Amino acid sequence: MSREELAARQAALLDSLLTGAAAPAGFDPSRLRVEADVLRAKRRRLVAYLRPDLPDSLGERYRPLFDAYAAENPKTTSIRAREYADAFAEWLVSRGELARPRRRWLRR
């Protein structure tokens, strides 16, 4: 197998795990769904750790809203975890799920 073929297979596997795309040939779709759920839960916990205001504000709505966001906006290597958490917060505001944060005064 060439490097290009291997890279294409790896990309298909990541796409399946992160976006819910169809399982690549040779992989069990049910096992990939389990792994995808585990990865999404890990990202959900990390976002809650970085932005505890979000689960505090959303309560029981946090999990389904995060899962919807994660399905639409898979985490890539080009975005850092804190940026991903902030992007989720912006997504919530844009959908009307959270009020726009008030501007804080800075003290010198």
N, C-alpha and C. Protein backbone atom coordinates (compact mmCIF):
# COMPACT_ATOMS: atom_id res chain seq x y z
N MET A 1 0.86 -1.18 0.00
CA MET A 1 0.00 0.00 0.00
C MET A 1 0.90 1.24 0.00
N SER A 2 0.59 2.17 -0.86
CA SER A 2 1.40 3.39 -0.95
C SER A 2 1.06 4.34 0.20
N ARG A 3 1.91 5.31 0.41
CA ARG A 3 1.66 6.31 1.45
C ARG A 3 0.38 7.08 1.17
N GLU A 4 0.14 7.38 -0.10
CA GLU A 4 -1.06 8.12 -0.47
C GLU A 4 -2.32 7.32 -0.16
N GLU A 5 -2.27 6.02 -0.45
CA GLU A 5 -3.42 5.16 -0.15
C GLU A 5 -3.64 5.06 1.35
N LEU A 6 -2.55 4.89 2.09
CA LEU A 6 -2.65 4.83 3.55
C LEU A 6 -3.21 6.13 4.10
N ALA A 7 -2.73 7.26 3.61
CA ALA A 7 -3.24 8.56 4.07
C ALA A 7 -4.71 8.70 3.76
N ALA A 8 -5.14 8.25 2.60
CA ALA A 8 -6.56 8.34 2.23
C ALA A 8 -7.40 7.46 3.15
N ARG A 9 -6.92 6.27 3.49
CA ARG A 9 -7.66 5.38 4.40
C ARG A 9 -7.73 5.98 5.81
N GLN A 10 -6.62 6.57 6.25
CA GLN A 10 -6.62 7.20 7.57
C GLN A 10 -7.59 8.39 7.60
N ALA A 11 -7.60 9.17 6.54
CA ALA A 11 -8.52 10.31 6.47
C ALA A 11 -9.97 9.83 6.49
N ALA A 12 -10.27 8.75 5.79
CA ALA A 12 -11.63 8.21 5.79
C ALA A 12 -12.02 7.71 7.18
N LEU A 13 -11.08 7.09 7.88
CA LEU A 13 -11.35 6.62 9.23
C LEU A 13 -11.61 7.80 10.17
N LEU A 14 -10.79 8.82 10.11
CA LEU A 14 -11.00 10.01 10.94
C LEU A 14 -12.33 10.68 10.62
N ASP A 15 -12.64 10.77 9.34
CA ASP A 15 -13.91 11.36 8.93
C ASP A 15 -15.08 10.60 9.54
N SER A 16 -14.98 9.29 9.52
CA SER A 16 -16.03 8.46 10.10
C SER A 16 -16.13 8.68 11.61
N LEU A 17 -15.00 8.74 12.28
CA LEU A 17 -15.00 8.90 13.73
C LEU A 17 -15.47 10.28 14.16
N LEU A 18 -15.09 11.30 13.42
CA LEU A 18 -15.37 12.67 13.85
C LEU A 18 -16.67 13.25 13.31
N THR A 19 -17.11 12.80 12.15
CA THR A 19 -18.30 13.40 11.55
C THR A 19 -19.46 12.44 11.39
N GLY A 20 -19.23 11.16 11.66
CA GLY A 20 -20.30 10.19 11.49
C GLY A 20 -20.45 9.72 10.05
N ALA A 21 -19.46 10.00 9.22
CA ALA A 21 -19.50 9.52 7.83
C ALA A 21 -19.51 7.99 7.84
N ALA A 22 -19.84 7.43 6.71
CA ALA A 22 -19.89 5.97 6.58
C ALA A 22 -18.54 5.36 6.94
N ALA A 23 -18.62 4.17 7.52
CA ALA A 23 -17.39 3.46 7.91
C ALA A 23 -16.62 3.05 6.66
N PRO A 24 -15.31 3.24 6.66
CA PRO A 24 -14.51 2.80 5.52
C PRO A 24 -14.54 1.27 5.40
N ALA A 25 -14.24 0.79 4.24
CA ALA A 25 -14.20 -0.65 4.00
C ALA A 25 -13.22 -1.30 4.98
N GLY A 26 -13.65 -2.43 5.53
CA GLY A 26 -12.79 -3.17 6.45
C GLY A 26 -13.00 -2.82 7.92
N PHE A 27 -13.87 -1.86 8.21
CA PHE A 27 -14.13 -1.47 9.60
C PHE A 27 -15.58 -1.78 9.95
N ASP A 28 -15.78 -2.23 11.16
CA ASP A 28 -17.12 -2.54 11.66
C ASP A 28 -17.82 -1.23 12.03
N PRO A 29 -18.91 -0.90 11.34
CA PRO A 29 -19.61 0.36 11.62
C PRO A 29 -20.07 0.50 13.07
N SER A 30 -20.52 -0.57 13.69
CA SER A 30 -21.01 -0.47 15.07
C SER A 30 -19.86 -0.17 16.03
N ARG A 31 -18.70 -0.73 15.79
CA ARG A 31 -17.55 -0.44 16.65
C ARG A 31 -17.06 0.99 16.44
N LEU A 32 -17.11 1.46 15.21
CA LEU A 32 -16.71 2.85 14.96
C LEU A 32 -17.67 3.82 15.63
N ARG A 33 -18.97 3.50 15.66
CA ARG A 33 -19.94 4.37 16.35
C ARG A 33 -19.62 4.45 17.84
N VAL A 34 -19.26 3.31 18.43
CA VAL A 34 -18.89 3.29 19.85
C VAL A 34 -17.67 4.18 20.08
N GLU A 35 -16.67 4.02 19.25
CA GLU A 35 -15.45 4.83 19.40
C GLU A 35 -15.74 6.31 19.16
N ALA A 36 -16.58 6.61 18.19
CA ALA A 36 -16.95 8.00 17.92
C ALA A 36 -17.66 8.61 19.12
N ASP A 37 -18.53 7.83 19.76
CA ASP A 37 -19.22 8.31 20.96
C ASP A 37 -18.23 8.59 22.08
N VAL A 38 -17.22 7.74 22.23
CA VAL A 38 -16.21 7.93 23.27
C VAL A 38 -15.41 9.21 22.99
N LEU A 39 -15.02 9.41 21.75
CA LEU A 39 -14.25 10.61 21.40
C LEU A 39 -15.07 11.88 21.61
N ARG A 40 -16.36 11.84 21.24
CA ARG A 40 -17.23 13.01 21.44
C ARG A 40 -17.40 13.29 22.93
N ALA A 41 -17.55 12.25 23.75
CA ALA A 41 -17.68 12.44 25.20
C ALA A 41 -16.41 13.04 25.78
N LYS A 42 -15.27 12.62 25.26
CA LYS A 42 -14.00 13.19 25.73
C LYS A 42 -13.93 14.68 25.40
N ARG A 43 -14.32 15.05 24.17
CA ARG A 43 -14.32 16.47 23.80
C ARG A 43 -15.33 17.24 24.64
N ARG A 44 -16.48 16.64 24.91
CA ARG A 44 -17.51 17.30 25.73
C ARG A 44 -16.97 17.58 27.12
N ARG A 45 -16.27 16.61 27.72
CA ARG A 45 -15.68 16.81 29.06
C ARG A 45 -14.60 17.88 29.03
N LEU A 46 -13.79 17.89 27.99
CA LEU A 46 -12.73 18.88 27.88
C LEU A 46 -13.31 20.29 27.74
N VAL A 47 -14.34 20.44 26.93
CA VAL A 47 -14.98 21.75 26.78
C VAL A 47 -15.59 22.18 28.11
N ALA A 48 -16.21 21.25 28.82
CA ALA A 48 -16.79 21.58 30.14
C ALA A 48 -15.70 22.00 31.12
N TYR A 49 -14.52 21.39 31.03
CA TYR A 49 -13.41 21.76 31.90
C TYR A 49 -12.89 23.16 31.55
N LEU A 50 -12.76 23.43 30.25
CA LEU A 50 -12.22 24.72 29.81
C LEU A 50 -13.22 25.85 29.95
N ARG A 51 -14.49 25.54 29.79
CA ARG A 51 -15.55 26.56 29.86
C ARG A 51 -16.67 26.07 30.78
N PRO A 52 -16.42 26.01 32.10
CA PRO A 52 -17.44 25.49 33.01
C PRO A 52 -18.72 26.33 33.02
N ASP A 53 -18.63 27.55 32.51
CA ASP A 53 -19.82 28.39 32.42
C ASP A 53 -20.86 27.79 31.47
N LEU A 54 -20.41 27.04 30.49
CA LEU A 54 -21.35 26.50 29.50
C LEU A 54 -22.25 25.41 30.09
N PRO A 55 -21.70 24.34 30.68
CA PRO A 55 -22.61 23.37 31.27
C PRO A 55 -23.40 23.94 32.45
N ASP A 56 -22.79 24.89 33.18
CA ASP A 56 -23.52 25.52 34.28
C ASP A 56 -24.74 26.27 33.76
N SER A 57 -24.57 26.99 32.65
CA SER A 57 -25.67 27.78 32.09
C SER A 57 -26.71 26.92 31.39
N LEU A 58 -26.27 25.86 30.75
CA LEU A 58 -27.17 25.06 29.93
C LEU A 58 -27.84 23.91 30.69
N GLY A 59 -27.22 23.47 31.76
CA GLY A 59 -27.80 22.36 32.52
C GLY A 59 -27.89 21.10 31.67
N GLU A 60 -29.06 20.48 31.67
CA GLU A 60 -29.26 19.23 30.94
C GLU A 60 -29.23 19.42 29.42
N ARG A 61 -29.30 20.64 28.95
CA ARG A 61 -29.24 20.89 27.51
C ARG A 61 -27.81 20.84 26.98
N TYR A 62 -26.82 20.86 27.90
CA TYR A 62 -25.42 20.91 27.48
C TYR A 62 -25.05 19.73 26.57
N ARG A 63 -25.34 18.53 27.01
CA ARG A 63 -24.92 17.36 26.24
C ARG A 63 -25.53 17.32 24.84
N PRO A 64 -26.86 17.42 24.69
CA PRO A 64 -27.39 17.35 23.32
C PRO A 64 -26.94 18.52 22.45
N LEU A 65 -26.79 19.70 23.04
CA LEU A 65 -26.32 20.83 22.23
C LEU A 65 -24.87 20.64 21.82
N PHE A 66 -24.04 20.16 22.74
CA PHE A 66 -22.65 19.92 22.37
C PHE A 66 -22.57 18.85 21.28
N ASP A 67 -23.34 17.79 21.43
CA ASP A 67 -23.30 16.71 20.44
C ASP A 67 -23.74 17.21 19.06
N ALA A 68 -24.73 18.08 19.03
CA ALA A 68 -25.16 18.67 17.75
C ALA A 68 -24.05 19.53 17.16
N TYR A 69 -23.42 20.33 18.01
CA TYR A 69 -22.32 21.16 17.54
C TYR A 69 -21.16 20.31 17.03
N ALA A 70 -20.80 19.28 17.79
CA ALA A 70 -19.68 18.42 17.40
C ALA A 70 -19.94 17.71 16.08
N ALA A 71 -21.19 17.35 15.83
CA ALA A 71 -21.52 16.69 14.57
C ALA A 71 -21.36 17.65 13.40
N GLU A 72 -21.72 18.90 13.61
CA GLU A 72 -21.62 19.91 12.55
C GLU A 72 -20.21 20.48 12.41
N ASN A 73 -19.45 20.47 13.51
CA ASN A 73 -18.14 21.11 13.55
C ASN A 73 -17.11 20.18 14.17
N PRO A 74 -16.68 19.19 13.43
CA PRO A 74 -15.71 18.25 14.02
C PRO A 74 -14.42 18.96 14.38
N LYS A 75 -13.82 18.52 15.47
CA LYS A 75 -12.52 19.07 15.90
C LYS A 75 -11.45 18.62 14.93
N THR A 76 -10.64 19.56 14.52
CA THR A 76 -9.52 19.25 13.63
C THR A 76 -8.22 19.58 14.35
N THR A 77 -7.13 19.16 13.78
CA THR A 77 -5.83 19.44 14.39
C THR A 77 -5.45 20.91 14.26
N SER A 78 -6.15 21.66 13.41
CA SER A 78 -5.80 23.06 13.21
C SER A 78 -6.43 23.99 14.25
N ILE A 79 -7.31 23.47 15.10
CA ILE A 79 -7.93 24.29 16.13
C ILE A 79 -7.58 23.73 17.50
N ARG A 80 -7.18 24.63 18.38
CA ARG A 80 -6.82 24.23 19.73
C ARG A 80 -8.08 24.01 20.56
N ALA A 81 -7.95 23.28 21.65
CA ALA A 81 -9.11 22.92 22.47
C ALA A 81 -9.84 24.15 23.00
N ARG A 82 -9.11 25.15 23.47
CA ARG A 82 -9.77 26.35 24.00
C ARG A 82 -10.51 27.10 22.89
N GLU A 83 -9.92 27.16 21.71
CA GLU A 83 -10.59 27.79 20.57
C GLU A 83 -11.86 27.04 20.20
N TYR A 84 -11.80 25.71 20.28
CA TYR A 84 -12.98 24.88 19.99
C TYR A 84 -14.07 25.16 21.02
N ALA A 85 -13.70 25.27 22.28
CA ALA A 85 -14.67 25.56 23.34
C ALA A 85 -15.30 26.94 23.13
N ASP A 86 -14.47 27.92 22.78
CA ASP A 86 -14.99 29.27 22.52
C ASP A 86 -15.88 29.29 21.28
N ALA A 87 -15.52 28.52 20.27
CA ALA A 87 -16.35 28.44 19.06
C ALA A 87 -17.71 27.82 19.39
N PHE A 88 -17.71 26.83 20.28
CA PHE A 88 -18.97 26.24 20.72
C PHE A 88 -19.83 27.30 21.41
N ALA A 89 -19.22 28.10 22.27
CA ALA A 89 -19.96 29.16 22.97
C ALA A 89 -20.54 30.15 21.96
N GLU A 90 -19.76 30.53 20.97
CA GLU A 90 -20.25 31.45 19.94
C GLU A 90 -21.40 30.82 19.16
N TRP A 91 -21.32 29.54 18.88
CA TRP A 91 -22.37 28.82 18.18
C TRP A 91 -23.66 28.86 19.01
N LEU A 92 -23.52 28.65 20.33
CA LEU A 92 -24.68 28.69 21.21
C LEU A 92 -25.35 30.07 21.18
N VAL A 93 -24.53 31.12 21.22
CA VAL A 93 -25.06 32.49 21.18
C VAL A 93 -25.76 32.73 19.85
N SER A 94 -25.14 32.31 18.76
CA SER A 94 -25.72 32.54 17.42
C SER A 94 -27.05 31.83 17.25
N ARG A 95 -27.26 30.73 17.95
CA ARG A 95 -28.51 29.97 17.87
C ARG A 95 -29.53 30.43 18.91
N GLY A 96 -29.15 31.37 19.76
CA GLY A 96 -30.07 31.85 20.79
C GLY A 96 -30.16 30.94 22.00
N GLU A 97 -29.23 30.02 22.14
CA GLU A 97 -29.24 29.11 23.28
C GLU A 97 -28.63 29.75 24.52
N LEU A 98 -27.77 30.74 24.30
CA LEU A 98 -27.14 31.50 25.38
C LEU A 98 -27.22 32.98 25.05
N ALA A 99 -27.32 33.79 26.09
CA ALA A 99 -27.28 35.23 25.89
C ALA A 99 -25.84 35.65 25.58
N ARG A 100 -25.71 36.68 24.78
CA ARG A 100 -24.38 37.22 24.49
C ARG A 100 -23.77 37.69 25.81
N PRO A 101 -22.53 37.33 26.07
CA PRO A 101 -21.91 37.74 27.35
C PRO A 101 -21.76 39.26 27.43
N ARG A 102 -21.92 39.74 28.62
CA ARG A 102 -21.73 41.18 28.85
C ARG A 102 -20.26 41.49 28.78
N ARG A 103 -19.96 42.67 28.34
CA ARG A 103 -18.57 43.10 28.26
C ARG A 103 -18.05 43.36 29.66
N ARG A 104 -16.87 42.84 29.94
CA ARG A 104 -16.29 43.03 31.27
C ARG A 104 -15.35 44.23 31.24
N TRP A 105 -15.38 44.97 32.33
CA TRP A 105 -14.45 46.08 32.47
C TRP A 105 -13.13 45.56 32.95
N LEU A 106 -12.10 46.01 32.36
CA LEU A 106 -10.76 45.60 32.79
C LEU A 106 -10.21 46.60 33.79
N ARG A 107 -9.59 46.09 34.83
CA ARG A 107 -8.97 46.95 35.84
C ARG A 107 -7.49 46.95 35.62
N ARG A 108 -6.90 48.09 35.79
CA ARG A 108 -5.45 48.19 35.64
C ARG A 108 -4.81 48.36 36.99
